[in-house]
């Protein structure tokens, strides 16, 4: 006999949680390739440094991927929990209420900051540096959200990342927000 639709939905969420683990792992690697803060002068001096700009592009893409994956998983988990999900703003309000996100405004700031780079092809190196410095500053907020969200999924829904290949690294990166999720702790 096949799994129930509920089992399939829980398995889908477990896969999304694993994707969050993976996104955090690779964003952290990209973030650690840079010496922070960046300066416009430093970027201008190294304007033809392909590995530098590939690394920055990877950071931008991984930041966006983490937030997008978190958003998809948050929507899915809210629906599994029986919460109203007719708008994402309503879903964010639910997660703000239960302290998974610090505030709707913070989530929207992360979204706006990452979207600016996707739609603005800036050539001013000072502005490029400011963008990446902003992303770097916002990363801990996404990590905290990820940790609290995974704790919520474990506690309220009984769903863990599957297969859990990045669990130890995720716990080390995200820290206290997910200490109960580290299988080696």
N, C-alpha and C. Protein backbone atom coordinates (compact mmCIF):
# COMPACT_ATOMS: atom_id res chain seq x y z
N UNK A 1 0.84 -1.17 0.00
CA UNK A 1 0.00 0.00 0.00
C UNK A 1 0.88 1.24 0.00
N UNK A 2 0.48 2.25 -0.73
CA UNK A 2 1.30 3.46 -0.84
C UNK A 2 1.10 4.36 0.36
N UNK A 3 2.03 5.29 0.51
CA UNK A 3 1.94 6.26 1.59
C UNK A 3 0.70 7.12 1.42
N UNK A 4 0.22 7.64 2.53
CA UNK A 4 -0.94 8.54 2.49
C UNK A 4 -0.51 9.89 1.94
N UNK A 5 -1.46 10.69 1.49
CA UNK A 5 -1.11 12.05 1.03
C UNK A 5 -0.42 12.86 2.12
N UNK A 6 -0.81 12.66 3.37
CA UNK A 6 -0.16 13.37 4.48
C UNK A 6 1.30 12.95 4.60
N UNK A 7 1.56 11.66 4.48
CA UNK A 7 2.96 11.18 4.53
C UNK A 7 3.78 11.79 3.39
N UNK A 8 3.17 11.89 2.22
CA UNK A 8 3.88 12.48 1.08
C UNK A 8 4.17 13.96 1.33
N UNK A 9 3.24 14.67 1.94
CA UNK A 9 3.45 16.09 2.24
C UNK A 9 4.54 16.26 3.31
N UNK A 10 4.55 15.41 4.29
CA UNK A 10 5.59 15.46 5.33
C UNK A 10 6.96 15.13 4.74
N UNK A 11 7.00 14.17 3.82
CA UNK A 11 8.26 13.82 3.16
C UNK A 11 8.75 14.98 2.30
N UNK A 12 7.82 15.67 1.66
CA UNK A 12 8.20 16.84 0.86
C UNK A 12 8.81 17.92 1.76
N UNK A 13 8.19 18.16 2.92
CA UNK A 13 8.73 19.13 3.86
C UNK A 13 10.11 18.70 4.35
N UNK A 14 10.29 17.41 4.63
CA UNK A 14 11.60 16.92 5.08
C UNK A 14 12.67 17.18 4.02
N UNK A 15 12.30 17.05 2.76
CA UNK A 15 13.24 17.36 1.68
C UNK A 15 13.56 18.85 1.62
N UNK A 16 12.55 19.69 1.84
CA UNK A 16 12.79 21.14 1.87
C UNK A 16 13.69 21.52 3.05
N UNK A 17 13.52 20.86 4.17
CA UNK A 17 14.37 21.13 5.34
C UNK A 17 15.82 20.74 5.05
N UNK A 18 16.00 19.63 4.35
CA UNK A 18 17.36 19.23 3.94
C UNK A 18 17.94 20.28 3.00
N UNK A 19 17.12 20.80 2.10
CA UNK A 19 17.59 21.85 1.18
C UNK A 19 18.00 23.10 1.95
N UNK A 20 17.29 23.43 3.02
CA UNK A 20 17.67 24.57 3.86
C UNK A 20 19.04 24.32 4.48
N UNK A 21 19.24 23.11 5.01
CA UNK A 21 20.56 22.76 5.56
C UNK A 21 21.65 23.00 4.51
N UNK A 22 21.42 22.49 3.31
CA UNK A 22 22.40 22.60 2.23
C UNK A 22 22.64 24.06 1.85
N UNK A 23 21.57 24.85 1.77
CA UNK A 23 21.70 26.28 1.43
C UNK A 23 22.54 27.02 2.47
N UNK A 24 22.29 26.75 3.74
CA UNK A 24 23.07 27.39 4.80
C UNK A 24 24.54 27.01 4.68
N UNK A 25 24.80 25.75 4.45
CA UNK A 25 26.17 25.26 4.33
C UNK A 25 26.93 25.98 3.21
N UNK A 26 26.31 26.07 2.04
CA UNK A 26 27.00 26.68 0.90
C UNK A 26 27.05 28.20 0.99
N UNK A 27 26.04 28.83 1.58
CA UNK A 27 26.09 30.29 1.80
C UNK A 27 27.22 30.62 2.77
N UNK A 28 27.34 29.83 3.82
CA UNK A 28 28.41 30.07 4.80
C UNK A 28 29.77 29.96 4.15
N UNK A 29 29.94 28.97 3.26
CA UNK A 29 31.23 28.82 2.56
C UNK A 29 31.52 30.03 1.69
N UNK A 30 30.51 30.53 0.97
CA UNK A 30 30.71 31.71 0.12
C UNK A 30 31.02 32.95 0.97
N UNK A 31 30.31 33.09 2.08
CA UNK A 31 30.50 34.24 2.96
C UNK A 31 31.92 34.26 3.55
N UNK A 32 32.45 33.10 3.86
CA UNK A 32 33.78 33.02 4.48
C UNK A 32 34.93 33.20 3.49
N UNK A 33 34.62 33.28 2.21
CA UNK A 33 35.68 33.52 1.23
C UNK A 33 36.11 34.98 1.18
N UNK A 34 35.34 35.85 1.81
CA UNK A 34 35.62 37.28 1.73
C UNK A 34 36.18 37.80 3.04
N UNK A 35 36.94 38.88 2.93
CA UNK A 35 37.37 39.64 4.11
C UNK A 35 36.38 40.80 4.22
N UNK A 36 35.65 40.85 5.32
CA UNK A 36 34.61 41.87 5.49
C UNK A 36 35.10 43.00 6.36
N UNK A 37 34.63 44.22 6.13
CA UNK A 37 33.73 44.66 5.06
C UNK A 37 34.50 44.88 3.76
N UNK A 38 33.75 44.80 2.67
CA UNK A 38 34.32 45.12 1.36
C UNK A 38 34.36 46.63 1.20
N UNK A 39 35.27 47.10 0.37
CA UNK A 39 35.33 48.54 0.07
C UNK A 39 35.22 48.73 -1.44
N UNK A 40 34.68 49.86 -1.80
CA UNK A 40 34.60 50.20 -3.22
C UNK A 40 35.98 50.26 -3.85
N UNK A 41 36.95 50.84 -3.12
CA UNK A 41 38.31 50.93 -3.65
C UNK A 41 38.92 49.56 -3.87
N UNK A 42 38.68 48.65 -2.92
CA UNK A 42 39.22 47.30 -3.06
C UNK A 42 38.62 46.57 -4.25
N UNK A 43 37.31 46.73 -4.46
CA UNK A 43 36.67 46.09 -5.61
C UNK A 43 37.15 46.70 -6.91
N UNK A 44 37.32 48.04 -6.92
CA UNK A 44 37.79 48.70 -8.13
C UNK A 44 39.22 48.25 -8.47
N UNK A 45 40.05 48.09 -7.45
CA UNK A 45 41.41 47.64 -7.66
C UNK A 45 41.44 46.23 -8.24
N UNK A 46 40.48 45.41 -7.85
CA UNK A 46 40.44 44.01 -8.29
C UNK A 46 39.28 43.76 -9.26
N UNK A 47 38.94 44.78 -10.06
CA UNK A 47 37.75 44.69 -10.93
C UNK A 47 37.83 43.60 -11.99
N UNK A 48 39.01 43.06 -12.25
CA UNK A 48 39.15 41.97 -13.22
C UNK A 48 39.48 40.64 -12.54
N UNK A 49 39.29 40.59 -11.24
CA UNK A 49 39.58 39.39 -10.46
C UNK A 49 38.37 38.45 -10.57
N UNK A 50 38.44 37.53 -11.53
CA UNK A 50 37.32 36.64 -11.81
C UNK A 50 36.93 35.81 -10.59
N UNK A 51 37.88 35.17 -9.88
CA UNK A 51 37.47 34.39 -8.70
C UNK A 51 36.75 35.25 -7.64
N UNK A 52 37.19 36.49 -7.44
CA UNK A 52 36.53 37.36 -6.47
C UNK A 52 35.08 37.60 -6.87
N UNK A 53 34.85 38.00 -8.11
CA UNK A 53 33.49 38.32 -8.52
C UNK A 53 32.62 37.08 -8.70
N UNK A 54 33.23 35.94 -9.03
CA UNK A 54 32.46 34.69 -9.03
C UNK A 54 32.03 34.33 -7.61
N UNK A 55 32.91 34.56 -6.66
CA UNK A 55 32.60 34.29 -5.26
C UNK A 55 31.47 35.19 -4.77
N UNK A 56 31.52 36.46 -5.15
CA UNK A 56 30.45 37.39 -4.75
C UNK A 56 29.13 37.01 -5.42
N UNK A 57 29.18 36.63 -6.68
CA UNK A 57 27.96 36.20 -7.38
C UNK A 57 27.38 34.95 -6.70
N UNK A 58 28.24 34.04 -6.29
CA UNK A 58 27.78 32.84 -5.61
C UNK A 58 27.12 33.20 -4.28
N UNK A 59 27.69 34.16 -3.57
CA UNK A 59 27.10 34.58 -2.31
C UNK A 59 25.71 35.15 -2.54
N UNK A 60 25.59 36.01 -3.54
CA UNK A 60 24.29 36.61 -3.85
C UNK A 60 23.26 35.53 -4.20
N UNK A 61 23.67 34.59 -5.05
CA UNK A 61 22.77 33.52 -5.48
C UNK A 61 22.40 32.63 -4.30
N UNK A 62 23.33 32.32 -3.43
CA UNK A 62 23.06 31.42 -2.31
C UNK A 62 22.21 32.08 -1.24
N UNK A 63 22.39 33.39 -1.05
CA UNK A 63 21.53 34.14 -0.14
C UNK A 63 20.09 34.06 -0.64
N UNK A 64 19.90 34.33 -1.93
CA UNK A 64 18.56 34.29 -2.54
C UNK A 64 17.97 32.89 -2.45
N UNK A 65 18.78 31.88 -2.73
CA UNK A 65 18.31 30.50 -2.70
C UNK A 65 17.87 30.11 -1.30
N UNK A 66 18.62 30.51 -0.29
CA UNK A 66 18.24 30.20 1.09
C UNK A 66 16.90 30.86 1.42
N UNK A 67 16.75 32.13 1.10
CA UNK A 67 15.50 32.79 1.44
C UNK A 67 14.32 32.20 0.65
N UNK A 68 14.53 31.90 -0.61
CA UNK A 68 13.47 31.28 -1.41
C UNK A 68 13.08 29.91 -0.86
N UNK A 69 14.07 29.12 -0.49
CA UNK A 69 13.80 27.78 0.04
C UNK A 69 13.11 27.86 1.40
N UNK A 70 13.56 28.79 2.23
CA UNK A 70 12.88 29.01 3.51
C UNK A 70 11.42 29.40 3.28
N UNK A 71 11.19 30.30 2.33
CA UNK A 71 9.82 30.73 2.05
C UNK A 71 8.94 29.57 1.60
N UNK A 72 9.45 28.75 0.70
CA UNK A 72 8.68 27.60 0.22
C UNK A 72 8.40 26.62 1.37
N UNK A 73 9.40 26.36 2.19
CA UNK A 73 9.22 25.43 3.31
C UNK A 73 8.28 26.02 4.36
N UNK A 74 8.37 27.31 4.61
CA UNK A 74 7.48 27.94 5.59
C UNK A 74 6.03 27.86 5.12
N UNK A 75 5.80 28.09 3.85
CA UNK A 75 4.45 27.99 3.31
C UNK A 75 3.93 26.55 3.46
N UNK A 76 4.77 25.59 3.11
CA UNK A 76 4.37 24.19 3.18
C UNK A 76 4.08 23.77 4.63
N UNK A 77 4.95 24.15 5.55
CA UNK A 77 4.76 23.78 6.95
C UNK A 77 3.52 24.43 7.54
N UNK A 78 3.26 25.67 7.17
CA UNK A 78 2.06 26.35 7.67
C UNK A 78 0.81 25.62 7.21
N UNK A 79 0.80 25.20 5.97
CA UNK A 79 -0.36 24.45 5.47
C UNK A 79 -0.52 23.12 6.19
N UNK A 80 0.60 22.43 6.45
CA UNK A 80 0.55 21.17 7.20
C UNK A 80 0.03 21.40 8.62
N UNK A 81 0.32 22.58 9.17
CA UNK A 81 -0.12 22.91 10.52
C UNK A 81 -1.55 23.41 10.55
N UNK A 82 -2.17 23.53 9.38
CA UNK A 82 -3.56 23.99 9.33
C UNK A 82 -3.72 25.50 9.41
N UNK A 83 -2.64 26.22 9.16
CA UNK A 83 -2.70 27.67 9.18
C UNK A 83 -3.18 28.20 7.84
N UNK A 84 -3.79 29.37 7.87
CA UNK A 84 -4.24 30.00 6.63
C UNK A 84 -3.02 30.41 5.81
N UNK A 85 -3.04 30.07 4.55
CA UNK A 85 -1.90 30.36 3.70
C UNK A 85 -2.29 31.03 2.40
N UNK A 86 -3.39 31.80 2.43
CA UNK A 86 -3.85 32.41 1.20
C UNK A 86 -2.92 33.51 0.70
N UNK A 87 -2.15 34.12 1.58
CA UNK A 87 -1.12 35.08 1.17
C UNK A 87 0.15 34.79 1.96
N UNK A 88 1.28 35.11 1.35
CA UNK A 88 2.53 34.88 2.07
C UNK A 88 2.67 35.84 3.24
N UNK A 89 2.08 37.02 3.14
CA UNK A 89 2.11 37.96 4.26
C UNK A 89 1.41 37.36 5.48
N UNK A 90 0.33 36.66 5.27
CA UNK A 90 -0.38 35.99 6.38
C UNK A 90 0.52 34.90 6.98
N UNK A 91 1.24 34.19 6.12
CA UNK A 91 2.17 33.15 6.60
C UNK A 91 3.29 33.79 7.42
N UNK A 92 3.83 34.90 6.91
CA UNK A 92 4.87 35.60 7.67
C UNK A 92 4.34 36.07 9.03
N UNK A 93 3.11 36.56 9.06
CA UNK A 93 2.51 37.01 10.33
C UNK A 93 2.42 35.84 11.32
N UNK A 94 2.06 34.66 10.83
CA UNK A 94 2.01 33.48 11.68
C UNK A 94 3.40 33.18 12.26
N UNK A 95 4.42 33.20 11.42
CA UNK A 95 5.77 32.89 11.90
C UNK A 95 6.34 33.99 12.79
N UNK A 96 5.93 35.22 12.57
CA UNK A 96 6.34 36.29 13.48
C UNK A 96 5.68 36.07 14.84
N UNK A 97 4.42 35.70 14.85
CA UNK A 97 3.67 35.48 16.09
C UNK A 97 4.30 34.37 16.94
N UNK A 98 4.81 33.31 16.29
CA UNK A 98 5.41 32.22 17.06
C UNK A 98 6.93 32.34 17.15
N UNK A 99 7.45 33.52 16.77
CA UNK A 99 8.87 33.87 16.93
C UNK A 99 9.83 33.03 16.08
N UNK A 100 9.38 32.57 14.92
CA UNK A 100 10.29 31.93 13.98
C UNK A 100 11.05 33.02 13.22
N UNK A 101 10.33 34.06 12.79
CA UNK A 101 11.00 35.23 12.22
C UNK A 101 10.94 36.35 13.25
N UNK A 102 11.96 37.18 13.24
CA UNK A 102 11.99 38.28 14.20
C UNK A 102 10.92 39.31 13.89
N UNK A 103 10.74 39.60 12.59
CA UNK A 103 9.69 40.53 12.18
C UNK A 103 9.45 40.39 10.68
N UNK A 104 8.27 40.76 10.28
CA UNK A 104 7.95 40.77 8.85
C UNK A 104 8.87 41.76 8.14
N UNK A 105 9.13 42.88 8.77
CA UNK A 105 9.99 43.91 8.16
C UNK A 105 11.39 43.38 7.90
N UNK A 106 11.92 42.59 8.83
CA UNK A 106 13.26 42.03 8.63
C UNK A 106 13.26 41.07 7.44
N UNK A 107 12.23 40.24 7.32
CA UNK A 107 12.12 39.33 6.18
C UNK A 107 12.07 40.12 4.89
N UNK A 108 11.28 41.18 4.88
CA UNK A 108 11.13 42.00 3.68
C UNK A 108 12.43 42.75 3.36
N UNK A 109 13.18 43.16 4.38
CA UNK A 109 14.48 43.81 4.16
C UNK A 109 15.44 42.84 3.48
N UNK A 110 15.47 41.60 3.93
CA UNK A 110 16.31 40.59 3.28
C UNK A 110 15.89 40.41 1.83
N UNK A 111 14.60 40.32 1.59
CA UNK A 111 14.08 40.12 0.24
C UNK A 111 14.43 41.31 -0.65
N UNK A 112 14.22 42.51 -0.17
CA UNK A 112 14.50 43.72 -0.95
C UNK A 112 15.98 43.85 -1.26
N UNK A 113 16.82 43.60 -0.27
CA UNK A 113 18.26 43.72 -0.46
C UNK A 113 18.76 42.74 -1.51
N UNK A 114 18.33 41.51 -1.42
CA UNK A 114 18.78 40.53 -2.41
C UNK A 114 18.21 40.83 -3.79
N UNK A 115 16.98 41.34 -3.87
CA UNK A 115 16.38 41.66 -5.17
C UNK A 115 17.05 42.83 -5.86
N UNK A 116 17.61 43.75 -5.11
CA UNK A 116 18.28 44.90 -5.72
C UNK A 116 19.41 44.46 -6.63
N UNK A 117 20.15 43.47 -6.21
CA UNK A 117 21.27 42.99 -7.04
C UNK A 117 20.76 42.23 -8.26
N UNK A 118 19.63 41.57 -8.11
CA UNK A 118 19.10 40.80 -9.23
C UNK A 118 18.58 41.69 -10.35
N UNK A 119 18.20 42.92 -10.01
CA UNK A 119 17.56 43.79 -11.00
C UNK A 119 18.37 45.04 -11.31
N UNK A 120 19.47 45.24 -10.60
CA UNK A 120 20.26 46.45 -10.79
C UNK A 120 21.69 46.05 -11.17
N UNK A 121 22.10 46.45 -12.35
CA UNK A 121 23.45 46.11 -12.82
C UNK A 121 24.37 47.29 -12.55
N UNK A 122 24.76 47.40 -11.31
CA UNK A 122 25.54 48.53 -10.82
C UNK A 122 26.97 48.46 -11.32
N UNK A 123 27.53 49.61 -11.63
CA UNK A 123 28.93 49.68 -12.03
C UNK A 123 29.76 50.51 -11.05
N UNK A 124 29.11 51.12 -10.09
CA UNK A 124 29.81 51.89 -9.05
C UNK A 124 30.29 50.91 -7.98
N UNK A 125 31.60 50.76 -7.85
CA UNK A 125 32.16 49.76 -6.95
C UNK A 125 31.83 50.02 -5.49
N UNK A 126 31.63 51.28 -5.11
CA UNK A 126 31.24 51.57 -3.73
C UNK A 126 29.83 51.03 -3.47
N UNK A 127 28.94 51.20 -4.43
CA UNK A 127 27.58 50.67 -4.26
C UNK A 127 27.56 49.14 -4.29
N UNK A 128 28.41 48.55 -5.12
CA UNK A 128 28.51 47.09 -5.15
C UNK A 128 28.99 46.59 -3.78
N UNK A 129 30.00 47.25 -3.24
CA UNK A 129 30.52 46.86 -1.92
C UNK A 129 29.43 47.02 -0.86
N UNK A 130 28.68 48.11 -0.90
CA UNK A 130 27.60 48.32 0.07
C UNK A 130 26.56 47.22 -0.01
N UNK A 131 26.24 46.81 -1.23
CA UNK A 131 25.26 45.72 -1.39
C UNK A 131 25.75 44.45 -0.71
N UNK A 132 26.98 44.05 -1.00
CA UNK A 132 27.48 42.80 -0.43
C UNK A 132 27.71 42.91 1.06
N UNK A 133 28.10 44.10 1.54
CA UNK A 133 28.22 44.29 2.98
C UNK A 133 26.85 44.17 3.65
N UNK A 134 25.81 44.66 2.98
CA UNK A 134 24.45 44.52 3.51
C UNK A 134 24.04 43.06 3.56
N UNK A 135 24.29 42.32 2.49
CA UNK A 135 23.97 40.88 2.50
C UNK A 135 24.69 40.19 3.64
N UNK A 136 25.98 40.48 3.78
CA UNK A 136 26.78 39.86 4.84
C UNK A 136 26.16 40.15 6.22
N UNK A 137 25.70 41.38 6.41
CA UNK A 137 25.09 41.77 7.68
C UNK A 137 23.77 41.05 7.92
N UNK A 138 23.04 40.76 6.85
CA UNK A 138 21.73 40.11 6.98
C UNK A 138 21.80 38.59 7.11
N UNK A 139 22.91 38.00 6.75
CA UNK A 139 23.03 36.53 6.81
C UNK A 139 22.68 35.96 8.19
N UNK A 140 23.16 36.54 9.29
CA UNK A 140 22.79 35.96 10.59
C UNK A 140 21.28 35.94 10.83
N UNK A 141 20.56 36.91 10.27
CA UNK A 141 19.10 36.91 10.43
C UNK A 141 18.49 35.70 9.72
N UNK A 142 18.96 35.40 8.51
CA UNK A 142 18.45 34.23 7.80
C UNK A 142 18.84 32.94 8.53
N UNK A 143 20.06 32.89 9.06
CA UNK A 143 20.48 31.71 9.80
C UNK A 143 19.60 31.50 11.04
N UNK A 144 19.33 32.58 11.75
CA UNK A 144 18.46 32.47 12.93
C UNK A 144 17.07 32.00 12.56
N UNK A 145 16.53 32.55 11.47
CA UNK A 145 15.22 32.11 11.01
C UNK A 145 15.25 30.63 10.65
N UNK A 146 16.29 30.22 9.94
CA UNK A 146 16.41 28.81 9.55
C UNK A 146 16.45 27.90 10.78
N UNK A 147 17.24 28.27 11.76
CA UNK A 147 17.34 27.45 12.98
C UNK A 147 16.02 27.38 13.73
N UNK A 148 15.37 28.53 13.90
CA UNK A 148 14.09 28.53 14.62
C UNK A 148 13.01 27.78 13.83
N UNK A 149 13.05 27.92 12.50
CA UNK A 149 12.07 27.23 11.68
C UNK A 149 12.24 25.71 11.77
N UNK A 150 13.47 25.24 11.69
CA UNK A 150 13.69 23.80 11.81
C UNK A 150 13.29 23.30 13.18
N UNK A 151 13.53 24.09 14.21
CA UNK A 151 13.10 23.70 15.56
C UNK A 151 11.57 23.61 15.61
N UNK A 152 10.89 24.56 14.98
CA UNK A 152 9.43 24.53 14.92
C UNK A 152 8.95 23.26 14.21
N UNK A 153 9.53 22.95 13.06
CA UNK A 153 9.10 21.78 12.30
C UNK A 153 9.30 20.50 13.09
N UNK A 154 10.40 20.43 13.81
CA UNK A 154 10.67 19.25 14.63
C UNK A 154 9.67 19.16 15.77
N UNK A 155 9.48 20.26 16.48
CA UNK A 155 8.62 20.24 17.67
C UNK A 155 7.14 20.17 17.37
N UNK A 156 6.68 20.99 16.44
CA UNK A 156 5.24 21.08 16.17
C UNK A 156 4.75 20.06 15.17
N UNK A 157 5.59 19.71 14.20
CA UNK A 157 5.15 18.82 13.13
C UNK A 157 5.83 17.46 13.15
N UNK A 158 6.88 17.31 13.95
CA UNK A 158 7.61 16.05 14.00
C UNK A 158 8.35 15.74 12.70
N UNK A 159 8.76 16.78 11.97
CA UNK A 159 9.43 16.59 10.69
C UNK A 159 10.87 17.07 10.81
N UNK A 160 11.79 16.21 10.39
CA UNK A 160 13.22 16.50 10.41
C UNK A 160 13.74 16.48 8.97
N UNK A 161 14.89 17.13 8.74
CA UNK A 161 15.49 17.07 7.39
C UNK A 161 15.80 15.63 7.00
N UNK A 162 15.55 15.33 5.75
CA UNK A 162 15.83 13.98 5.25
C UNK A 162 16.64 14.08 3.97
N UNK A 163 17.84 13.50 3.95
CA UNK A 163 18.36 12.48 4.84
C UNK A 163 19.17 13.02 6.02
N UNK A 164 19.37 14.30 6.14
CA UNK A 164 20.11 14.86 7.28
C UNK A 164 21.61 14.90 7.10
N UNK A 165 22.06 14.86 5.86
CA UNK A 165 23.50 14.82 5.58
C UNK A 165 24.25 16.06 6.06
N UNK A 166 23.57 17.19 6.21
CA UNK A 166 24.22 18.44 6.59
C UNK A 166 23.87 18.87 8.01
N UNK A 167 23.28 17.99 8.80
CA UNK A 167 22.78 18.36 10.13
C UNK A 167 23.87 18.90 11.05
N UNK A 168 25.01 18.24 11.11
CA UNK A 168 26.09 18.70 11.99
C UNK A 168 26.63 20.05 11.57
N UNK A 169 26.84 20.22 10.28
CA UNK A 169 27.35 21.51 9.78
C UNK A 169 26.32 22.62 10.00
N UNK A 170 25.05 22.32 9.75
CA UNK A 170 23.99 23.29 9.95
C UNK A 170 23.98 23.77 11.41
N UNK A 171 24.02 22.83 12.33
CA UNK A 171 24.02 23.18 13.75
C UNK A 171 25.22 24.04 14.12
N UNK A 172 26.39 23.71 13.57
CA UNK A 172 27.59 24.49 13.88
C UNK A 172 27.50 25.90 13.32
N UNK A 173 26.91 26.04 12.14
CA UNK A 173 26.82 27.35 11.50
C UNK A 173 25.74 28.20 12.16
N UNK A 174 24.58 27.63 12.35
CA UNK A 174 23.45 28.39 12.86
C UNK A 174 23.54 28.61 14.35
N UNK A 175 24.13 27.68 15.06
CA UNK A 175 24.39 27.86 16.47
C UNK A 175 23.23 27.56 17.39
N UNK A 176 23.10 28.35 18.45
CA UNK A 176 22.14 28.04 19.52
C UNK A 176 20.68 27.94 19.05
N UNK A 177 20.33 28.58 17.97
CA UNK A 177 18.94 28.53 17.51
C UNK A 177 18.54 27.11 17.16
N UNK A 178 19.49 26.24 16.89
CA UNK A 178 19.14 24.86 16.51
C UNK A 178 19.95 23.84 17.27
N UNK A 179 20.44 24.16 18.46
CA UNK A 179 21.31 23.23 19.17
C UNK A 179 20.63 21.89 19.42
N UNK A 180 19.31 21.88 19.60
CA UNK A 180 18.62 20.62 19.85
C UNK A 180 18.50 19.79 18.57
N UNK A 181 18.86 20.37 17.42
CA UNK A 181 18.75 19.64 16.16
C UNK A 181 20.03 18.92 15.79
N UNK A 182 21.11 19.15 16.50
CA UNK A 182 22.38 18.52 16.17
C UNK A 182 22.39 17.10 16.70
N UNK A 183 22.43 16.11 15.80
CA UNK A 183 22.38 14.73 16.27
C UNK A 183 23.61 14.32 17.07
N UNK A 184 24.70 15.06 16.96
CA UNK A 184 25.93 14.70 17.66
C UNK A 184 26.05 15.41 19.00
N UNK A 185 25.08 16.29 19.31
CA UNK A 185 25.18 17.08 20.56
C UNK A 185 24.83 16.25 21.76
